[in-house]
Amino acid sequence: MKNIKHREDEKKFVLEVGDGECELLYEFSLDGKMDIQRTYTPDNLRGQGLAKVLTVFVLDFALENGLKVIPTCWYTAKVIDETPKYGALL
């Protein structure tokens, strides 16, 4: 089971895997949109689909909380493009 935590004070979501962490960083724009700026997966954890797990978790969080998203992060933009239900976030 993957452990995802929202570190609101740091404006990021973290997926803890063993002794490593993948992270998704965000800011809120002046008009209240969640600007997803970056995803990061350490080299030793890449290729396992962890960035997608984390990104989907955050996009679902945005949907559930009625947030709009600015996909500054290229990977987040890709996941939104590939998943029709996330089109409502834009």
PDB file of N, CA and C in Angstrom:
ATOM      1  N   MET A   1       0.842  -1.188   0.000  1.00  0.00           N
ATOM      2  CA  MET A   1       0.000   0.000   0.000  1.00  0.00           C
ATOM      3  C   MET A   1       0.882   1.244   0.000  1.00  0.00           C
ATOM      4  N   LYS A   2       0.545   2.159  -0.866  1.00  0.00           N
ATOM      5  CA  LYS A   2       1.312   3.387  -0.981  1.00  0.00           C
ATOM      6  C   LYS A   2       0.783   4.414   0.016  1.00  0.00           C
ATOM      7  N   ASN A   3       1.662   5.183   0.582  1.00  0.00           N
ATOM      8  CA  ASN A   3       1.310   6.147   1.609  1.00  0.00           C
ATOM      9  C   ASN A   3       1.470   7.564   1.053  1.00  0.00           C
ATOM     10  N   ILE A   4       0.342   8.238   0.779  1.00  0.00           N
ATOM     11  CA  ILE A   4       0.374   9.599   0.252  1.00  0.00           C
ATOM     12  C   ILE A   4      -0.069  10.554   1.353  1.00  0.00           C
ATOM     13  N   LYS A   5       0.723  11.605   1.538  1.00  0.00           N
ATOM     14  CA  LYS A   5       0.425  12.607   2.558  1.00  0.00           C
ATOM     15  C   LYS A   5       0.351  13.982   1.917  1.00  0.00           C
ATOM     16  N   HIS A   6      -0.572  14.776   2.413  1.00  0.00           N
ATOM     17  CA  HIS A   6      -0.683  16.163   1.969  1.00  0.00           C
ATOM     18  C   HIS A   6       0.019  17.029   3.005  1.00  0.00           C
ATOM     19  N   ARG A   7       1.123  17.607   2.610  1.00  0.00           N
ATOM     20  CA  ARG A   7       1.859  18.515   3.494  1.00  0.00           C
ATOM     21  C   ARG A   7       1.480  19.940   3.103  1.00  0.00           C
ATOM     22  N   GLU A   8       0.314  20.331   3.592  1.00  0.00           N
ATOM     23  CA  GLU A   8      -0.274  21.612   3.213  1.00  0.00           C
ATOM     24  C   GLU A   8       0.649  22.789   3.496  1.00  0.00           C
ATOM     25  N   ASP A   9       1.331  22.760   4.621  1.00  0.00           N
ATOM     26  CA  ASP A   9       2.226  23.860   4.987  1.00  0.00           C
ATOM     27  C   ASP A   9       3.400  23.998   4.020  1.00  0.00           C
ATOM     28  N   GLU A  10       3.751  22.900   3.338  1.00  0.00           N
ATOM     29  CA  GLU A  10       4.846  22.920   2.363  1.00  0.00           C
ATOM     30  C   GLU A  10       4.329  22.992   0.928  1.00  0.00           C
ATOM     31  N   LYS A  11       3.013  23.002   0.779  1.00  0.00           N
ATOM     32  CA  LYS A  11       2.353  23.035  -0.533  1.00  0.00           C
ATOM     33  C   LYS A  11       2.831  21.899  -1.428  1.00  0.00           C
ATOM     34  N   LYS A  12       2.719  20.680  -0.869  1.00  0.00           N
ATOM     35  CA  LYS A  12       3.075  19.519  -1.674  1.00  0.00           C
ATOM     36  C   LYS A  12       2.365  18.271  -1.161  1.00  0.00           C
ATOM     37  N   PHE A  13       2.250  17.314  -2.066  1.00  0.00           N
ATOM     38  CA  PHE A  13       1.794  15.970  -1.745  1.00  0.00           C
ATOM     39  C   PHE A  13       3.004  15.065  -1.868  1.00  0.00           C
ATOM     40  N   VAL A  14       3.112  14.111  -0.967  1.00  0.00           N
ATOM     41  CA  VAL A  14       4.273  13.227  -0.935  1.00  0.00           C
ATOM     42  C   VAL A  14       3.819  11.780  -0.922  1.00  0.00           C
ATOM     43  N   LEU A  15       4.427  10.980  -1.782  1.00  0.00           N
ATOM     44  CA  LEU A  15       4.202   9.539  -1.817  1.00  0.00           C
ATOM     45  C   LEU A  15       5.441   8.894  -1.214  1.00  0.00           C
ATOM     46  N   GLU A  16       5.264   8.292  -0.060  1.00  0.00           N
ATOM     47  CA  GLU A  16       6.384   7.660   0.632  1.00  0.00           C
ATOM     48  C   GLU A  16       6.514   6.216   0.170  1.00  0.00           C
ATOM     49  N   VAL A  17       7.711   5.862  -0.273  1.00  0.00           N
ATOM     50  CA  VAL A  17       7.996   4.509  -0.747  1.00  0.00           C
ATOM     51  C   VAL A  17       9.317   4.081  -0.120  1.00  0.00           C
ATOM     52  N   GLY A  18       9.245   3.142   0.820  1.00  0.00           N
ATOM     53  CA  GLY A  18      10.464   2.737   1.524  1.00  0.00           C
ATOM     54  C   GLY A  18      11.070   3.935   2.214  1.00  0.00           C
ATOM     55  N   ASP A  19      12.351   4.189   1.927  1.00  0.00           N
ATOM     56  CA  ASP A  19      12.998   5.351   2.532  1.00  0.00           C
ATOM     57  C   ASP A  19      13.067   6.539   1.571  1.00  0.00           C
ATOM     58  N   GLY A  20      12.299   6.473   0.466  1.00  0.00           N
ATOM     59  CA  GLY A  20      12.293   7.553  -0.518  1.00  0.00           C
ATOM     60  C   GLY A  20      10.934   8.229  -0.608  1.00  0.00           C
ATOM     61  N   GLU A  21      10.914   9.359  -1.291  1.00  0.00           N
ATOM     62  CA  GLU A  21       9.682  10.108  -1.475  1.00  0.00           C
ATOM     63  C   GLU A  21       9.577  10.651  -2.892  1.00  0.00           C
ATOM     64  N   CYS A  22       8.385  10.507  -3.468  1.00  0.00           N
ATOM     65  CA  CYS A  22       8.042  11.204  -4.694  1.00  0.00           C
ATOM     66  C   CYS A  22       7.218  12.402  -4.247  1.00  0.00           C
ATOM     67  N   GLU A  23       7.292  13.494  -4.985  1.00  0.00           N
ATOM     68  CA  GLU A  23       6.533  14.651  -4.557  1.00  0.00           C
ATOM     69  C   GLU A  23       5.896  15.390  -5.716  1.00  0.00           C
ATOM     70  N   LEU A  24       4.795  16.062  -5.401  1.00  0.00           N
ATOM     71  CA  LEU A  24       4.102  16.925  -6.332  1.00  0.00           C
ATOM     72  C   LEU A  24       3.954  18.272  -5.632  1.00  0.00           C
ATOM     73  N   LEU A  25       4.498  19.305  -6.257  1.00  0.00           N
ATOM     74  CA  LEU A  25       4.493  20.649  -5.677  1.00  0.00           C
ATOM     75  C   LEU A  25       3.435  21.505  -6.345  1.00  0.00           C
ATOM     76  N   TYR A  26       2.780  22.343  -5.563  1.00  0.00           N
ATOM     77  CA  TYR A  26       1.746  23.218  -6.092  1.00  0.00           C
ATOM     78  C   TYR A  26       1.756  24.556  -5.373  1.00  0.00           C
ATOM     79  N   GLU A  27       1.083  25.507  -5.974  1.00  0.00           N
ATOM     80  CA  GLU A  27       0.796  26.825  -5.389  1.00  0.00           C
ATOM     81  C   GLU A  27      -0.654  27.123  -5.728  1.00  0.00           C
ATOM     82  N   PHE A  28      -1.241  28.086  -5.059  1.00  0.00           N
ATOM     83  CA  PHE A  28      -2.557  28.551  -5.459  1.00  0.00           C
ATOM     84  C   PHE A  28      -2.400  29.891  -6.154  1.00  0.00           C
ATOM     85  N   SER A  29      -3.056  30.031  -7.300  1.00  0.00           N
ATOM     86  CA  SER A  29      -3.017  31.287  -8.039  1.00  0.00           C
ATOM     87  C   SER A  29      -3.905  32.312  -7.334  1.00  0.00           C
ATOM     88  N   LEU A  30      -3.809  33.556  -7.749  1.00  0.00           N
ATOM     89  CA  LEU A  30      -4.603  34.623  -7.139  1.00  0.00           C
ATOM     90  C   LEU A  30      -6.103  34.374  -7.284  1.00  0.00           C
ATOM     91  N   ASP A  31      -6.499  33.662  -8.341  1.00  0.00           N
ATOM     92  CA  ASP A  31      -7.925  33.382  -8.531  1.00  0.00           C
ATOM     93  C   ASP A  31      -8.341  32.032  -7.930  1.00  0.00           C
ATOM     94  N   GLY A  32      -7.482  31.450  -7.091  1.00  0.00           N
ATOM     95  CA  GLY A  32      -7.844  30.250  -6.336  1.00  0.00           C
ATOM     96  C   GLY A  32      -7.640  28.921  -7.047  1.00  0.00           C
ATOM     97  N   LYS A  33      -6.993  28.930  -8.203  1.00  0.00           N
ATOM     98  CA  LYS A  33      -6.731  27.676  -8.913  1.00  0.00           C
ATOM     99  C   LYS A  33      -5.487  27.004  -8.347  1.00  0.00           C
ATOM    100  N   MET A  34      -5.506  25.676  -8.355  1.00  0.00           N
ATOM    101  CA  MET A  34      -4.358  24.894  -7.897  1.00  0.00           C
ATOM    102  C   MET A  34      -3.370  24.768  -9.064  1.00  0.00           C
ATOM    103  N   ASP A  35      -2.268  25.451  -8.949  1.00  0.00           N
ATOM    104  CA  ASP A  35      -1.238  25.431  -9.989  1.00  0.00           C
ATOM    105  C   ASP A  35      -0.258  24.306  -9.661  1.00  0.00           C
ATOM    106  N   ILE A  36      -0.403  23.193 -10.374  1.00  0.00           N
ATOM    107  CA  ILE A  36       0.489  22.047 -10.152  1.00  0.00           C
ATOM    108  C   ILE A  36       1.759  22.312 -10.944  1.00  0.00           C
ATOM    109  N   GLN A  37       2.830  22.551 -10.208  1.00  0.00           N
ATOM    110  CA  GLN A  37       4.052  23.054 -10.816  1.00  0.00           C
ATOM    111  C   GLN A  37       5.077  21.986 -11.169  1.00  0.00           C
ATOM    112  N   ARG A  38       5.106  20.905 -10.391  1.00  0.00           N
ATOM    113  CA  ARG A  38       6.208  19.961 -10.603  1.00  0.00           C
ATOM    114  C   ARG A  38       5.904  18.630  -9.934  1.00  0.00           C
ATOM    115  N   THR A  39       6.292  17.563 -10.600  1.00  0.00           N
ATOM    116  CA  THR A  39       6.345  16.250  -9.952  1.00  0.00           C
ATOM    117  C   THR A  39       7.805  15.824  -9.954  1.00  0.00           C
ATOM    118  N   TYR A  40       8.178  15.094  -8.928  1.00  0.00           N
ATOM    119  CA  TYR A  40       9.559  14.616  -8.855  1.00  0.00           C
ATOM    120  C   TYR A  40       9.572  13.195  -8.304  1.00  0.00           C
ATOM    121  N   THR A  41      10.307  12.331  -8.990  1.00  0.00           N
ATOM    122  CA  THR A  41      10.533  10.960  -8.544  1.00  0.00           C
ATOM    123  C   THR A  41      12.039  10.728  -8.513  1.00  0.00           C
ATOM    124  N   PRO A  42      12.594  10.294  -7.375  1.00  0.00           N
ATOM    125  CA  PRO A  42      14.032  10.021  -7.306  1.00  0.00           C
ATOM    126  C   PRO A  42      14.436   8.944  -8.322  1.00  0.00           C
ATOM    127  N   ASP A  43      15.664   9.013  -8.773  1.00  0.00           N
ATOM    128  CA  ASP A  43      16.167   8.067  -9.781  1.00  0.00           C
ATOM    129  C   ASP A  43      15.899   6.609  -9.416  1.00  0.00           C
ATOM    130  N   ASN A  44      16.104   6.249  -8.159  1.00  0.00           N
ATOM    131  CA  ASN A  44      15.969   4.842  -7.770  1.00  0.00           C
ATOM    132  C   ASN A  44      14.505   4.367  -7.720  1.00  0.00           C
ATOM    133  N   LEU A  45      13.554   5.283  -7.851  1.00  0.00           N
ATOM    134  CA  LEU A  45      12.137   4.906  -7.821  1.00  0.00           C
ATOM    135  C   LEU A  45      11.453   5.078  -9.176  1.00  0.00           C
ATOM    136  N   ARG A  46      12.177   5.546 -10.167  1.00  0.00           N
ATOM    137  CA  ARG A  46      11.582   5.790 -11.485  1.00  0.00           C
ATOM    138  C   ARG A  46      11.223   4.485 -12.194  1.00  0.00           C
ATOM    139  N   GLY A  47      10.275   4.594 -13.107  1.00  0.00           N
ATOM    140  CA  GLY A  47       9.872   3.448 -13.912  1.00  0.00           C
ATOM    141  C   GLY A  47       8.875   2.524 -13.240  1.00  0.00           C
ATOM    142  N   GLN A  48       8.310   2.941 -12.119  1.00  0.00           N
ATOM    143  CA  GLN A  48       7.354   2.110 -11.392  1.00  0.00           C
ATOM    144  C   GLN A  48       5.933   2.665 -11.440  1.00  0.00           C
ATOM    145  N   GLY A  49       5.729   3.766 -12.171  1.00  0.00           N
ATOM    146  CA  GLY A  49       4.411   4.376 -12.270  1.00  0.00           C
ATOM    147  C   GLY A  49       4.023   5.202 -11.053  1.00  0.00           C
ATOM    148  N   LEU A  50       4.994   5.543 -10.225  1.00  0.00           N
ATOM    149  CA  LEU A  50       4.694   6.263  -8.985  1.00  0.00           C
ATOM    150  C   LEU A  50       4.251   7.703  -9.234  1.00  0.00           C
ATOM    151  N   ALA A  51       4.826   8.360 -10.231  1.00  0.00           N
ATOM    152  CA  ALA A  51       4.416   9.726 -10.553  1.00  0.00           C
ATOM    153  C   ALA A  51       2.946   9.750 -10.962  1.00  0.00           C
ATOM    154  N   LYS A  52       2.522   8.729 -11.688  1.00  0.00           N
ATOM    155  CA  LYS A  52       1.117   8.671 -12.106  1.00  0.00           C
ATOM    156  C   LYS A  52       0.210   8.434 -10.908  1.00  0.00           C
ATOM    157  N   VAL A  53       0.595   7.538 -10.016  1.00  0.00           N
ATOM    158  CA  VAL A  53      -0.198   7.278  -8.807  1.00  0.00           C
ATOM    159  C   VAL A  53      -0.390   8.582  -8.026  1.00  0.00           C
ATOM    160  N   LEU A  54       0.682   9.322  -7.844  1.00  0.00           N
ATOM    161  CA  LEU A  54       0.630  10.561  -7.089  1.00  0.00           C
ATOM    162  C   LEU A  54      -0.186  11.621  -7.819  1.00  0.00           C
ATOM    163  N   THR A  55       0.021  11.756  -9.108  1.00  0.00           N
ATOM    164  CA  THR A  55      -0.702  12.750  -9.897  1.00  0.00           C
ATOM    165  C   THR A  55      -2.195  12.467  -9.913  1.00  0.00           C
ATOM    166  N   VAL A  56      -2.577  11.218 -10.114  1.00  0.00           N
ATOM    167  CA  VAL A  56      -3.999  10.842 -10.106  1.00  0.00           C
ATOM    168  C   VAL A  56      -4.617  11.122  -8.736  1.00  0.00           C
ATOM    169  N   PHE A  57      -3.892  10.828  -7.674  1.00  0.00           N
ATOM    170  CA  PHE A  57      -4.382  11.106  -6.328  1.00  0.00           C
ATOM    171  C   PHE A  57      -4.678  12.600  -6.167  1.00  0.00           C
ATOM    172  N   VAL A  58      -3.755  13.446  -6.617  1.00  0.00           N
ATOM    173  CA  VAL A  58      -3.921  14.887  -6.473  1.00  0.00           C
ATOM    174  C   VAL A  58      -5.042  15.410  -7.373  1.00  0.00           C
ATOM    175  N   LEU A  59      -5.146  14.906  -8.588  1.00  0.00           N
ATOM    176  CA  LEU A  59      -6.232  15.333  -9.467  1.00  0.00           C
ATOM    177  C   LEU A  59      -7.589  14.914  -8.903  1.00  0.00           C
ATOM    178  N   ASP A  60      -7.666  13.726  -8.322  1.00  0.00           N
ATOM    179  CA  ASP A  60      -8.904  13.301  -7.660  1.00  0.00           C
ATOM    180  C   ASP A  60      -9.206  14.195  -6.460  1.00  0.00           C
ATOM    181  N   PHE A  61      -8.192  14.570  -5.716  1.00  0.00           N
ATOM    182  CA  PHE A  61      -8.334  15.500  -4.591  1.00  0.00           C
ATOM    183  C   PHE A  61      -8.940  16.813  -5.098  1.00  0.00           C
ATOM    184  N   ALA A  62      -8.424  17.322  -6.211  1.00  0.00           N
ATOM    185  CA  ALA A  62      -8.927  18.576  -6.780  1.00  0.00           C
ATOM    186  C   ALA A  62     -10.397  18.428  -7.189  1.00  0.00           C
ATOM    187  N   LEU A  63     -10.742  17.327  -7.831  1.00  0.00           N
ATOM    188  CA  LEU A  63     -12.130  17.081  -8.216  1.00  0.00           C
ATOM    189  C   LEU A  63     -13.052  17.051  -6.999  1.00  0.00           C
ATOM    190  N   GLU A  64     -12.648  16.302  -5.990  1.00  0.00           N
ATOM    191  CA  GLU A  64     -13.466  16.132  -4.786  1.00  0.00           C
ATOM    192  C   GLU A  64     -13.654  17.435  -4.021  1.00  0.00           C
ATOM    193  N   ASN A  65     -12.707  18.355  -4.174  1.00  0.00           N
ATOM    194  CA  ASN A  65     -12.757  19.613  -3.437  1.00  0.00           C
ATOM    195  C   ASN A  65     -13.194  20.800  -4.303  1.00  0.00           C
ATOM    196  N   GLY A  66     -13.667  20.511  -5.516  1.00  0.00           N
ATOM    197  CA  GLY A  66     -14.181  21.562  -6.390  1.00  0.00           C
ATOM    198  C   GLY A  66     -13.147  22.568  -6.850  1.00  0.00           C
ATOM    199  N   LEU A  67     -11.900  22.127  -6.957  1.00  0.00           N
ATOM    200  CA  LEU A  67     -10.821  23.021  -7.378  1.00  0.00           C
ATOM    201  C   LEU A  67     -10.635  22.994  -8.893  1.00  0.00           C
ATOM    202  N   LYS A  68     -10.176  24.091  -9.436  1.00  0.00           N
ATOM    203  CA  LYS A  68      -9.714  24.150 -10.821  1.00  0.00           C
ATOM    204  C   LYS A  68      -8.194  24.024 -10.776  1.00  0.00           C
ATOM    205  N   VAL A  69      -7.620  23.508 -11.864  1.00  0.00           N
ATOM    206  CA  VAL A  69      -6.188  23.208 -11.899  1.00  0.00           C
ATOM    207  C   VAL A  69      -5.513  23.932 -13.061  1.00  0.00           C
ATOM    208  N   ILE A  70      -4.316  24.410 -12.797  1.00  0.00           N
ATOM    209  CA  ILE A  70      -3.419  24.911 -13.849  1.00  0.00           C
ATOM    210  C   ILE A  70      -2.297  23.879 -13.943  1.00  0.00           C
ATOM    211  N   PRO A  71      -2.227  23.137 -15.050  1.00  0.00           N
ATOM    212  CA  PRO A  71      -1.196  22.093 -15.165  1.00  0.00           C
ATOM    213  C   PRO A  71       0.127  22.631 -15.707  1.00  0.00           C
ATOM    214  N   THR A  72       0.833  23.399 -14.893  1.00  0.00           N
ATOM    215  CA  THR A  72       2.146  23.912 -15.290  1.00  0.00           C
ATOM    216  C   THR A  72       3.120  22.754 -15.516  1.00  0.00           C
ATOM    217  N   CYS A  73       3.024  21.725 -14.698  1.00  0.00           N
ATOM    218  CA  CYS A  73       3.852  20.526 -14.832  1.00  0.00           C
ATOM    219  C   CYS A  73       3.442  19.764 -16.094  1.00  0.00           C
ATOM    220  N   TRP A  74       4.403  19.462 -16.937  1.00  0.00           N
ATOM    221  CA  TRP A  74       4.103  18.772 -18.200  1.00  0.00           C
ATOM    222  C   TRP A  74       3.477  17.407 -17.946  1.00  0.00           C
ATOM    223  N   TYR A  75       3.914  16.725 -16.912  1.00  0.00           N
ATOM    224  CA  TYR A  75       3.379  15.383 -16.657  1.00  0.00           C
ATOM    225  C   TYR A  75       1.917  15.453 -16.224  1.00  0.00           C
ATOM    226  N   THR A  76       1.586  16.430 -15.404  1.00  0.00           N
ATOM    227  CA  THR A  76       0.194  16.610 -14.995  1.00  0.00           C
ATOM    228  C   THR A  76      -0.664  16.922 -16.211  1.00  0.00           C
ATOM    229  N   ALA A  77      -0.175  17.776 -17.100  1.00  0.00           N
ATOM    230  CA  ALA A  77      -0.909  18.105 -18.333  1.00  0.00           C
ATOM    231  C   ALA A  77      -1.161  16.849 -19.159  1.00  0.00           C
ATOM    232  N   LYS A  78      -0.180  15.968 -19.229  1.00  0.00           N
ATOM    233  CA  LYS A  78      -0.310  14.716 -19.984  1.00  0.00           C
ATOM    234  C   LYS A  78      -1.398  13.830 -19.374  1.00  0.00           C
ATOM    235  N   VAL A  79      -1.393  13.670 -18.059  1.00  0.00           N
ATOM    236  CA  VAL A  79      -2.400  12.835 -17.400  1.00  0.00           C
ATOM    237  C   VAL A  79      -3.799  13.412 -17.618  1.00  0.00           C
ATOM    238  N   ILE A  80      -3.934  14.735 -17.540  1.00  0.00           N
ATOM    239  CA  ILE A  80      -5.236  15.371 -17.785  1.00  0.00           C
ATOM    240  C   ILE A  80      -5.686  15.108 -19.217  1.00  0.00           C
ATOM    241  N   ASP A  81      -4.783  15.264 -20.177  1.00  0.00           N
ATOM    242  CA  ASP A  81      -5.106  15.026 -21.586  1.00  0.00           C
ATOM    243  C   ASP A  81      -5.543  13.591 -21.844  1.00  0.00           C
ATOM    244  N   GLU A  82      -4.949  12.643 -21.132  1.00  0.00           N
ATOM    245  CA  GLU A  82      -5.232  11.221 -21.355  1.00  0.00           C
ATOM    246  C   GLU A  82      -6.455  10.711 -20.586  1.00  0.00           C
ATOM    247  N   THR A  83      -6.991  11.513 -19.674  1.00  0.00           N
ATOM    248  CA  THR A  83      -8.071  11.055 -18.803  1.00  0.00           C
ATOM    249  C   THR A  83      -9.244  12.028 -18.890  1.00  0.00           C
ATOM    250  N   PRO A  84     -10.291  11.673 -19.650  1.00  0.00           N
ATOM    251  CA  PRO A  84     -11.404  12.601 -19.888  1.00  0.00           C
ATOM    252  C   PRO A  84     -12.032  13.226 -18.632  1.00  0.00           C
ATOM    253  N   LYS A  85     -12.133  12.466 -17.559  1.00  0.00           N
ATOM    254  CA  LYS A  85     -12.803  13.023 -16.363  1.00  0.00           C
ATOM    255  C   LYS A  85     -12.057  14.218 -15.781  1.00  0.00           C
ATOM    256  N   TYR A  86     -10.770  14.347 -16.065  1.00  0.00           N
ATOM    257  CA  TYR A  86      -9.988  15.454 -15.528  1.00  0.00           C
ATOM    258  C   TYR A  86     -10.122  16.736 -16.354  1.00  0.00           C
ATOM    259  N   GLY A  87     -10.760  16.649 -17.512  1.00  0.00           N
ATOM    260  CA  GLY A  87     -10.985  17.835 -18.337  1.00  0.00           C
ATOM    261  C   GLY A  87     -11.787  18.896 -17.587  1.00  0.00           C
ATOM    262  N   ALA A  88     -12.635  18.476 -16.666  1.00  0.00           N
ATOM    263  CA  ALA A  88     -13.458  19.394 -15.882  1.00  0.00           C
ATOM    264  C   ALA A  88     -12.622  20.265 -14.936  1.00  0.00           C
ATOM    265  N   LEU A  89     -11.388  19.869 -14.718  1.00  0.00           N
ATOM    266  CA  LEU A  89     -10.519  20.617 -13.799  1.00  0.00           C
ATOM    267  C   LEU A  89      -9.940  21.874 -14.433  1.00  0.00           C
ATOM    268  N   LEU A  90      -9.953  21.932 -15.760  1.00  0.00           N
ATOM    269  CA  LEU A  90      -9.319  23.067 -16.463  1.00  0.00           C
ATOM    270  C   LEU A  90     -10.232  24.283 -16.524  1.00  0.00           C
TER     271      LEU A  90
END
